[in-house]
């Protein structure tokens, strides 16, 4: 029987509203007790004074690349990166090779995640076969396998009729339809956000409206069908406004934003750094402020990484030829805290409790309470570190934050009472 006592931690647990210094006792797979003067006999004492203890983070948007692009990432390397980022669960995107649009591929990813055992891996399935936007996958069959989220990311479902049908199935099976909102004719050949800086840098721009028109359409369809719509990696202030209005009308609409979209703007592309080429692109300072306000007021429920590892050959090319995407699992906490003015409670809510709620992961995201699974992360909110000072666990080296100093570092991650990260190092 393993017993660990975290002494003197600041327990930040949005699900229960708890935010105070206390001790937390973990026995085997569960939280045994919370409070002061707990029985220390037979425990391994872990000094957590000055540290934050929180429910393990949950990522709604991770690209693990396996099967098909094991050169860029595997379920194992991505899971290790996730654990080092404080995550205990993640949702793996379906744009693998073959696409995760059948039971066979979903089961393969599930089995790889179970075998690795560092985080709970929940595969997302494609909305349409082959991500081609035409024929729908067997949503009912895949939902019975435990799939909670369907998305054609990194493609947008262009057909309103297909999206309507998907949302109707979502209502029937109580799953989430996540949209990569990008209208095709407005975004053809894009290289960055359309505005002053695209003109200055000589790069082809895509307007914020390319995202917003799809968000508006899908909100109308969600209202018609009462299906669950999720807008992923929101980038435009116009989209935030539309989502806020939809929420005010009581529609079943949720949304996430990435740490990098909360941090960077189009002006940051002046150096043509391909690590800053992401999809959707970084937009204006005004858009970024709208995103931050959306996180603060709850319009944007979750902060999701859109962890997108690429091989070196995909980034060491001319800017317009580089594949879009940045890694994000190992930098998410520090980046989120930086963008949210160090608000620990807000960051934990958006990285843990809220994404767990969206996916229906009852054993993740809190509350941290006796009898509950010990899926926990412990971090130092004041520790500064330079991104790239030590090797990434992810195979991807394409971090938008490379060379930047972040504040907030994961020290321990625990999955059902077992350390997956201890003293900042991955275990197992």
Protein backbone atom coordinates (compact mmCIF):
# COMPACT_ATOMS: atom_id res chain seq x y z
CA UNK A 1 0.00 0.00 0.00
CA UNK A 2 1.46 3.35 -1.12
CA UNK A 3 0.72 6.39 1.03
CA UNK A 4 1.90 9.91 0.21
CA UNK A 5 1.28 13.05 2.25
CA UNK A 6 1.57 16.37 0.45
CA UNK A 7 2.22 18.81 3.27
CA UNK A 8 1.43 22.51 3.18
CA UNK A 9 0.18 22.75 -0.41
CA UNK A 10 -2.14 25.42 -1.71
CA UNK A 11 -5.02 23.23 -2.89
CA UNK A 12 -6.66 24.95 -5.86
CA UNK A 13 -9.79 22.97 -6.75
CA UNK A 14 -12.28 24.89 -8.90
CA UNK A 15 -14.82 22.05 -8.86
CA UNK A 16 -15.29 22.40 -5.10
CA UNK A 17 -14.34 26.07 -4.77
CA UNK A 18 -11.44 25.19 -2.47
CA UNK A 19 -8.41 27.48 -2.51
CA UNK A 20 -6.43 27.30 0.73
CA UNK A 21 -3.29 25.80 2.23
CA UNK A 22 -3.80 22.28 3.51
CA UNK A 23 -2.37 18.76 3.56
CA UNK A 24 -3.50 16.08 1.12
CA UNK A 25 -3.12 12.37 1.88
CA UNK A 26 -3.09 9.91 -1.02
CA UNK A 27 -3.46 6.19 -0.42
CA UNK A 28 -3.11 3.75 -3.30
CA UNK A 29 -5.26 5.17 -6.16
CA UNK A 30 -7.38 7.66 -4.25
CA UNK A 31 -7.34 10.76 -2.10
CA UNK A 32 -7.68 9.53 1.48
CA UNK A 33 -7.96 12.77 3.45
CA UNK A 34 -7.62 16.55 3.24
CA UNK A 35 -6.91 18.80 6.20
CA UNK A 36 -4.37 19.59 8.88
CA UNK A 37 -2.67 17.29 11.40
CA UNK A 38 -3.39 14.20 9.30
CA UNK A 39 -2.04 10.82 10.38
CA UNK A 40 1.48 10.62 8.96
CA UNK A 41 2.24 7.03 9.99
CA UNK A 42 3.37 4.92 7.08
CA UNK A 43 3.38 7.85 4.66
CA UNK A 44 6.06 9.27 2.43
CA UNK A 45 6.14 12.97 3.22
CA UNK A 46 6.34 15.40 0.31
CA UNK A 47 7.03 19.02 1.21
CA UNK A 48 4.65 21.11 -0.88
CA UNK A 49 5.01 24.42 0.96
CA UNK A 50 4.75 27.28 -1.52
CA UNK A 51 3.43 24.92 -4.21
CA UNK A 52 0.01 24.57 -5.81
CA UNK A 53 -1.75 21.20 -5.78
CA UNK A 54 -4.55 20.94 -8.34
CA UNK A 55 -6.59 18.39 -10.24
CA UNK A 56 -4.60 17.00 -13.15
CA UNK A 57 -4.96 18.98 -16.36
CA UNK A 58 -7.12 17.75 -19.25
CA UNK A 59 -6.26 18.67 -22.84
CA UNK A 60 -9.08 18.84 -25.36
CA UNK A 61 -6.80 19.05 -28.39
CA UNK A 62 -3.63 16.98 -28.77
CA UNK A 63 -2.03 15.66 -31.94
CA UNK A 64 -0.24 12.40 -31.11
CA UNK A 65 0.42 11.60 -34.81
CA UNK A 66 0.27 7.83 -34.28
CA UNK A 67 -0.59 5.87 -36.38
CA UNK A 68 1.20 7.05 -39.49
CA UNK A 69 3.55 9.86 -38.44
CA UNK A 70 5.59 8.21 -35.72
CA UNK A 71 8.58 10.23 -36.91
CA UNK A 72 6.86 13.37 -35.55
CA UNK A 73 5.28 11.93 -32.38
CA UNK A 74 4.01 8.70 -30.85
CA UNK A 75 1.39 8.03 -28.24
CA UNK A 76 4.23 7.25 -25.83
CA UNK A 77 6.30 10.39 -26.43
CA UNK A 78 3.22 12.60 -26.51
CA UNK A 79 1.92 11.06 -23.30
CA UNK A 80 5.25 11.68 -21.58
CA UNK A 81 5.18 15.30 -22.72
CA UNK A 82 1.62 15.59 -21.42
CA UNK A 83 2.55 14.22 -18.00
CA UNK A 84 5.46 16.67 -17.78
CA UNK A 85 2.94 19.41 -18.55
CA UNK A 86 0.74 18.38 -15.62
CA UNK A 87 -1.84 16.48 -17.68
CA UNK A 88 -3.60 13.32 -16.58
CA UNK A 89 -5.96 13.05 -19.58
CA UNK A 90 -5.99 14.19 -23.18
CA UNK A 91 -8.13 14.00 -26.31
CA UNK A 92 -6.12 12.76 -29.31
CA UNK A 93 -7.01 14.30 -32.67
CA UNK A 94 -8.07 12.01 -35.54
CA UNK A 95 -5.94 13.36 -38.41
CA UNK A 96 -3.65 10.35 -38.31
CA UNK A 97 -2.76 8.00 -41.17
CA UNK A 98 -5.05 6.16 -41.44
CA UNK A 99 -7.60 8.67 -40.17
CA UNK A 100 -9.33 7.76 -36.91
CA UNK A 101 -12.69 7.27 -38.59
CA UNK A 102 -13.21 3.57 -37.82
CA UNK A 103 -13.42 1.41 -34.73
CA UNK A 104 -10.11 -0.28 -35.60
CA UNK A 105 -8.08 2.95 -35.47
CA UNK A 106 -9.87 4.20 -32.36
CA UNK A 107 -9.14 0.92 -30.56
CA UNK A 108 -5.50 1.05 -31.67
CA UNK A 109 -4.99 4.52 -30.16
CA UNK A 110 -6.85 3.51 -26.99
CA UNK A 111 -4.68 0.43 -26.60
CA UNK A 112 -1.47 2.39 -27.18
CA UNK A 113 -2.54 4.89 -24.53
CA UNK A 114 -3.41 2.15 -22.04
CA UNK A 115 -0.08 0.42 -22.69
CA UNK A 116 1.87 3.63 -22.11
CA UNK A 117 -0.08 4.41 -18.96
CA UNK A 118 1.18 7.96 -18.43
CA UNK A 119 -2.09 9.79 -19.15
CA UNK A 120 -5.60 8.67 -20.00
CA UNK A 121 -5.76 8.89 -23.81
CA UNK A 122 -9.24 9.50 -25.22
CA UNK A 123 -9.21 9.36 -29.03
CA UNK A 124 -11.41 11.80 -30.90
CA UNK A 125 -12.99 10.46 -34.08
CA UNK A 126 -13.45 12.19 -37.40
CA UNK A 127 -16.84 13.65 -38.27
CA UNK A 128 -16.48 12.59 -41.90
CA UNK A 129 -14.68 9.70 -43.52
CA UNK A 130 -11.13 10.56 -44.45
CA UNK A 131 -11.68 14.12 -43.22
CA UNK A 132 -13.12 14.80 -46.67
CA UNK A 133 -16.23 16.62 -45.42
CA UNK A 134 -18.76 14.46 -47.25
CA UNK A 135 -19.74 11.04 -45.83
CA UNK A 136 -20.26 10.91 -42.08
CA UNK A 137 -18.55 8.36 -39.88
CA UNK A 138 -20.54 5.87 -37.81
CA UNK A 139 -20.99 8.25 -34.90
CA UNK A 140 -23.24 5.89 -32.95
CA UNK A 141 -20.86 2.92 -33.25
CA UNK A 142 -17.84 5.00 -32.27
CA UNK A 143 -19.69 6.62 -29.37
CA UNK A 144 -20.35 3.14 -28.00
CA UNK A 145 -16.56 2.62 -27.91
CA UNK A 146 -16.27 5.64 -25.62
CA UNK A 147 -15.52 8.37 -28.17
CA UNK A 148 -16.67 11.63 -26.62
CA UNK A 149 -15.62 14.16 -29.24
CA UNK A 150 -15.84 14.18 -33.04
CA UNK A 151 -13.91 16.62 -35.21
CA UNK A 152 -12.40 16.91 -38.68
CA UNK A 153 -9.54 19.00 -37.30
CA UNK A 154 -7.43 20.20 -39.07
CA UNK A 155 -10.12 20.47 -41.74
CA UNK A 156 -13.31 22.52 -41.50
CA UNK A 157 -16.63 20.84 -42.29
CA UNK A 158 -17.66 23.14 -45.12
CA UNK A 159 -21.08 21.60 -45.79
CA UNK A 160 -23.87 23.04 -43.66
CA UNK A 161 -25.97 19.93 -44.29
CA UNK A 162 -23.23 17.58 -43.07
CA UNK A 163 -22.68 19.75 -40.00
CA UNK A 164 -26.41 19.78 -39.29
CA UNK A 165 -26.54 15.98 -39.46
CA UNK A 166 -23.49 15.66 -37.20
CA UNK A 167 -25.06 17.90 -34.58
CA UNK A 168 -28.28 15.88 -34.72
CA UNK A 169 -26.29 12.71 -34.04
CA UNK A 170 -24.45 14.53 -31.27
CA UNK A 171 -27.74 15.19 -29.53
CA UNK A 172 -28.82 11.57 -29.92
CA UNK A 173 -25.60 10.12 -28.49
CA UNK A 174 -24.65 12.99 -26.16
CA UNK A 175 -21.26 13.58 -27.77
CA UNK A 176 -19.50 16.78 -28.78
CA UNK A 177 -18.97 18.02 -32.34
CA UNK A 178 -15.84 20.19 -32.47
CA UNK A 179 -15.33 22.48 -35.43
CA UNK A 180 -12.12 23.86 -36.90
CA UNK A 181 -13.84 27.00 -38.16
CA UNK A 182 -12.29 28.18 -41.42
CA UNK A 183 -14.33 29.06 -44.50
CA UNK A 184 -12.50 27.67 -47.52
CA UNK A 185 -12.99 30.41 -50.11
CA UNK A 186 -11.91 33.16 -47.71
CA UNK A 187 -8.81 31.28 -46.58
CA UNK A 188 -7.40 29.84 -49.79
CA UNK A 189 -3.61 30.08 -49.88
CA UNK A 190 -3.37 31.92 -46.54
CA UNK A 191 -0.06 32.43 -44.76
CA UNK A 192 -1.01 34.67 -41.81
CA UNK A 193 -3.77 36.93 -40.47
CA UNK A 194 -4.99 39.56 -42.95
CA UNK A 195 -4.21 43.10 -41.86
CA UNK A 196 -1.48 45.70 -41.67
CA UNK A 197 1.26 43.18 -40.94
CA UNK A 198 0.39 40.79 -43.76
CA UNK A 199 0.65 43.69 -46.18
CA UNK A 200 3.91 44.87 -44.61
CA UNK A 201 5.50 41.41 -44.60
CA UNK A 202 4.28 40.48 -48.06
CA UNK A 203 2.38 37.42 -46.91
CA UNK A 204 -1.09 36.39 -48.01
CA UNK A 205 -3.62 37.00 -45.27
CA UNK A 206 -6.79 35.30 -44.08
CA UNK A 207 -9.37 37.58 -42.46
CA UNK A 208 -10.89 36.94 -39.05
CA UNK A 209 -14.23 36.66 -40.83
CA UNK A 210 -13.10 33.34 -42.34
CA UNK A 211 -13.43 31.88 -38.85
CA UNK A 212 -16.39 33.93 -37.68
CA UNK A 213 -18.73 33.11 -40.57
CA UNK A 214 -18.39 29.39 -39.86
CA UNK A 215 -18.85 29.96 -36.12
CA UNK A 216 -22.02 31.95 -36.86
CA UNK A 217 -23.37 29.26 -39.19
CA UNK A 218 -22.67 26.45 -36.76
CA UNK A 219 -24.22 28.32 -33.84
CA UNK A 220 -27.40 28.64 -35.88
CA UNK A 221 -27.28 24.91 -36.61
CA UNK A 222 -26.66 24.10 -32.96
CA UNK A 223 -29.73 26.15 -32.09
CA UNK A 224 -31.76 24.27 -34.67
CA UNK A 225 -30.62 20.78 -33.63
CA UNK A 226 -29.87 21.29 -29.91
CA UNK A 227 -26.65 19.38 -30.53
CA UNK A 228 -23.43 20.05 -28.62
CA UNK A 229 -21.09 22.33 -30.58
CA UNK A 230 -17.52 23.05 -29.55
CA UNK A 231 -15.42 25.72 -31.29
CA UNK A 232 -11.78 24.73 -31.07
CA UNK A 233 -8.68 26.97 -31.06
CA UNK A 234 -10.75 30.16 -31.24
CA UNK A 235 -8.62 32.98 -32.63
CA UNK A 236 -10.89 35.92 -33.54
CA UNK A 237 -12.61 38.50 -31.40
CA UNK A 238 -15.65 38.26 -33.67
CA UNK A 239 -15.94 34.57 -32.80
CA UNK A 240 -15.77 35.32 -29.08
CA UNK A 241 -18.65 37.76 -29.47
CA UNK A 242 -20.76 35.21 -31.34
CA UNK A 243 -20.05 32.48 -28.79
CA UNK A 244 -20.90 34.83 -25.92
CA UNK A 245 -24.23 35.66 -27.53
CA UNK A 246 -24.98 31.98 -28.13
CA UNK A 247 -24.27 31.16 -24.51
CA UNK A 248 -26.56 33.98 -23.44
CA UNK A 249 -29.33 32.33 -25.45
CA UNK A 250 -28.78 29.04 -23.62
CA UNK A 251 -27.35 27.13 -26.58
CA UNK A 252 -25.13 24.10 -26.02
CA UNK A 253 -21.99 25.80 -27.28
CA UNK A 254 -18.53 25.58 -25.72
CA UNK A 255 -15.14 26.78 -26.92
CA UNK A 256 -11.43 26.65 -26.24
CA UNK A 257 -8.39 28.78 -26.97
CA UNK A 258 -4.70 27.87 -27.07
CA UNK A 259 -1.96 29.29 -24.85
CA UNK A 260 -0.14 30.51 -27.96
CA UNK A 261 -3.14 32.46 -29.25
CA UNK A 262 -3.40 34.06 -25.82
CA UNK A 263 0.25 35.10 -26.13
CA UNK A 264 1.25 36.03 -29.68
CA UNK A 265 -0.12 38.43 -32.29
CA UNK A 266 0.43 38.90 -36.02
CA UNK A 267 3.10 41.54 -35.41
CA UNK A 268 5.31 38.81 -33.88
CA UNK A 269 5.82 37.31 -37.35
CA UNK A 270 8.27 40.05 -38.38
CA UNK A 271 11.17 37.63 -38.09
CA UNK A 272 9.44 35.04 -40.31
CA UNK A 273 9.98 32.41 -37.59
CA UNK A 274 8.29 29.26 -38.88
CA UNK A 275 7.62 28.11 -35.31
CA UNK A 276 5.08 30.94 -35.22
CA UNK A 277 3.21 29.66 -38.26
CA UNK A 278 0.12 28.08 -36.73
CA UNK A 279 -3.43 27.29 -37.83
CA UNK A 280 -5.47 29.39 -37.24
CA UNK A 281 -2.92 32.21 -37.44
CA UNK A 282 -2.09 34.72 -34.74
CA UNK A 283 -4.36 37.70 -35.13
CA UNK A 284 -4.35 41.32 -33.97
CA UNK A 285 -3.70 42.68 -30.50
CA UNK A 286 -7.41 43.50 -30.27
CA UNK A 287 -8.29 39.88 -31.08
CA UNK A 288 -5.87 38.67 -28.42
CA UNK A 289 -7.45 40.91 -25.80
CA UNK A 290 -10.89 39.57 -26.75
CA UNK A 291 -9.59 36.03 -26.28
CA UNK A 292 -8.19 36.85 -22.86
CA UNK A 293 -11.44 38.50 -21.83
CA UNK A 294 -13.30 35.45 -23.12
CA UNK A 295 -11.25 33.24 -20.82
CA UNK A 296 -11.80 35.55 -17.88
CA UNK A 297 -15.59 35.76 -18.27
CA UNK A 298 -16.07 32.08 -19.16
CA UNK A 299 -17.10 32.54 -22.79
CA UNK A 300 -14.06 30.43 -23.67
CA UNK A 301 -14.43 27.45 -21.37
CA UNK A 302 -11.06 25.82 -21.79
CA UNK A 303 -7.42 26.42 -22.59
CA UNK A 304 -6.35 23.62 -24.97
CA UNK A 305 -2.87 23.14 -26.36
CA UNK A 306 -3.43 22.10 -30.01
CA UNK A 307 -0.10 20.32 -29.48
CA UNK A 308 1.11 19.83 -33.08
CA UNK A 309 4.61 18.34 -33.31
CA UNK A 310 6.38 18.40 -36.67
CA UNK A 311 9.64 17.04 -37.99
CA UNK A 312 12.57 19.40 -38.46
CA UNK A 313 12.18 19.18 -42.24
CA UNK A 314 8.62 20.55 -41.95
CA UNK A 315 9.79 23.77 -40.28
CA UNK A 316 13.27 24.48 -41.63
CA UNK A 317 11.88 25.85 -44.90
CA UNK A 318 10.63 29.19 -46.19
CA UNK A 319 7.83 30.62 -44.05
CA UNK A 320 5.09 30.08 -46.63
CA UNK A 321 6.18 26.45 -47.11
CA UNK A 322 6.29 25.52 -43.41
CA UNK A 323 3.63 23.23 -41.98
CA UNK A 324 1.55 25.14 -39.42
CA UNK A 325 1.59 24.13 -35.78
CA UNK A 326 3.47 24.34 -32.52
CA UNK A 327 4.07 21.93 -29.69
CA UNK A 328 2.31 22.93 -26.49
CA UNK A 329 1.94 20.27 -23.79
CA UNK A 330 5.14 21.04 -21.90
CA UNK A 331 4.75 24.83 -22.04
CA UNK A 332 1.00 25.19 -21.50
CA UNK A 333 0.96 26.05 -17.80
CA UNK A 334 3.65 28.72 -17.95
CA UNK A 335 2.21 30.22 -21.12
CA UNK A 336 -1.32 30.31 -19.71
CA UNK A 337 -0.20 31.88 -16.44
CA UNK A 338 1.74 34.50 -18.35
CA UNK A 339 -1.23 35.41 -20.54
CA UNK A 340 -3.65 35.44 -17.59
CA UNK A 341 -1.55 37.69 -15.33
CA UNK A 342 -0.58 34.81 -13.06
CA UNK A 343 -4.17 34.00 -12.06
CA UNK A 344 -3.63 30.45 -10.79
CA UNK A 345 -7.29 29.72 -10.02
CA UNK A 346 -8.41 30.81 -13.48
CA UNK A 347 -5.70 28.82 -15.24
CA UNK A 348 -6.51 25.65 -13.28
CA UNK A 349 -10.23 26.02 -13.99
CA UNK A 350 -9.69 26.41 -17.72
CA UNK A 351 -7.05 23.66 -17.96
CA UNK A 352 -8.64 21.10 -15.66
CA UNK A 353 -12.20 21.38 -14.36
CA UNK A 354 -13.81 22.85 -17.49
CA UNK A 355 -12.27 20.59 -20.16
CA UNK A 356 -13.05 17.57 -17.98
CA UNK A 357 -16.66 18.74 -17.81
CA UNK A 358 -16.88 19.15 -21.58
CA UNK A 359 -15.59 15.62 -22.19
CA UNK A 360 -17.56 14.10 -19.32
CA UNK A 361 -14.44 12.74 -17.63
CA UNK A 362 -15.82 12.28 -14.14
CA UNK A 363 -12.57 11.07 -12.56
CA UNK A 364 -10.59 14.04 -13.85
CA UNK A 365 -10.80 17.77 -13.17
CA UNK A 366 -11.79 17.44 -9.52
CA UNK A 367 -13.20 17.77 -7.03
CA UNK A 368 -10.16 16.74 -5.00
CA UNK A 369 -11.93 14.96 -2.17
CA UNK A 370 -11.68 11.79 -0.05
CA UNK A 371 -12.56 8.72 -2.08
CA UNK A 372 -11.91 10.44 -5.40
CA UNK A 373 -9.19 9.25 -7.85
CA UNK A 374 -5.82 10.83 -7.12
CA UNK A 375 -5.33 12.46 -10.53
CA UNK A 376 -3.27 15.43 -9.43
CA UNK A 377 -0.61 17.89 -10.45
CA UNK A 378 1.70 19.94 -8.24
CA UNK A 379 3.48 23.00 -9.56
CA UNK A 380 5.52 25.99 -8.51
CA UNK A 381 3.70 29.07 -9.85
CA UNK A 382 6.75 31.30 -9.32
CA UNK A 383 9.49 29.16 -10.87
CA UNK A 384 10.99 30.70 -14.01
CA UNK A 385 12.50 28.59 -16.77
CA UNK A 386 13.71 29.09 -20.31
CA UNK A 387 11.97 27.02 -22.97
CA UNK A 388 14.56 24.80 -24.62
CA UNK A 389 16.97 24.79 -21.69
CA UNK A 390 16.40 21.06 -21.43
CA UNK A 391 15.27 18.55 -24.07
CA UNK A 392 11.57 18.15 -24.77
CA UNK A 393 9.94 14.80 -24.08
CA UNK A 394 7.92 15.36 -27.24
CA UNK A 395 9.61 14.49 -30.50
CA UNK A 396 8.56 17.89 -31.77
CA UNK A 397 11.05 20.75 -31.40
CA UNK A 398 8.77 23.31 -33.06
CA UNK A 399 7.77 25.37 -30.05
CA UNK A 400 6.48 28.91 -30.52
CA UNK A 401 7.90 29.63 -27.07
CA UNK A 402 11.44 28.45 -27.81
CA UNK A 403 13.92 30.73 -26.03
CA UNK A 404 11.21 32.48 -24.01
CA UNK A 405 11.18 32.54 -20.23
CA UNK A 406 7.98 31.22 -18.66
CA UNK A 407 6.89 31.26 -15.04
CA UNK A 408 5.18 28.19 -13.62
CA UNK A 409 6.75 24.74 -13.58
CA UNK A 410 5.31 21.27 -13.00
CA UNK A 411 7.05 19.31 -10.25
CA UNK A 412 4.78 16.30 -9.76
CA UNK A 413 2.00 14.64 -11.74
CA UNK A 414 0.04 11.73 -10.33
CA UNK A 415 -2.30 9.41 -12.24
CA UNK A 416 -4.54 7.39 -9.91
CA UNK A 417 -2.05 7.67 -7.09
CA UNK A 418 1.02 6.77 -9.14
CA UNK A 419 3.67 9.34 -9.99
CA UNK A 420 4.08 9.88 -13.72
CA UNK A 421 6.28 12.90 -13.01
CA UNK A 422 8.26 13.39 -9.81
CA UNK A 423 10.54 16.29 -9.00
CA UNK A 424 10.14 17.52 -12.56
CA UNK A 425 11.25 14.27 -14.19
CA UNK A 426 9.08 11.73 -16.00
CA UNK A 427 8.91 8.31 -14.37
CA UNK A 428 8.52 4.90 -15.99
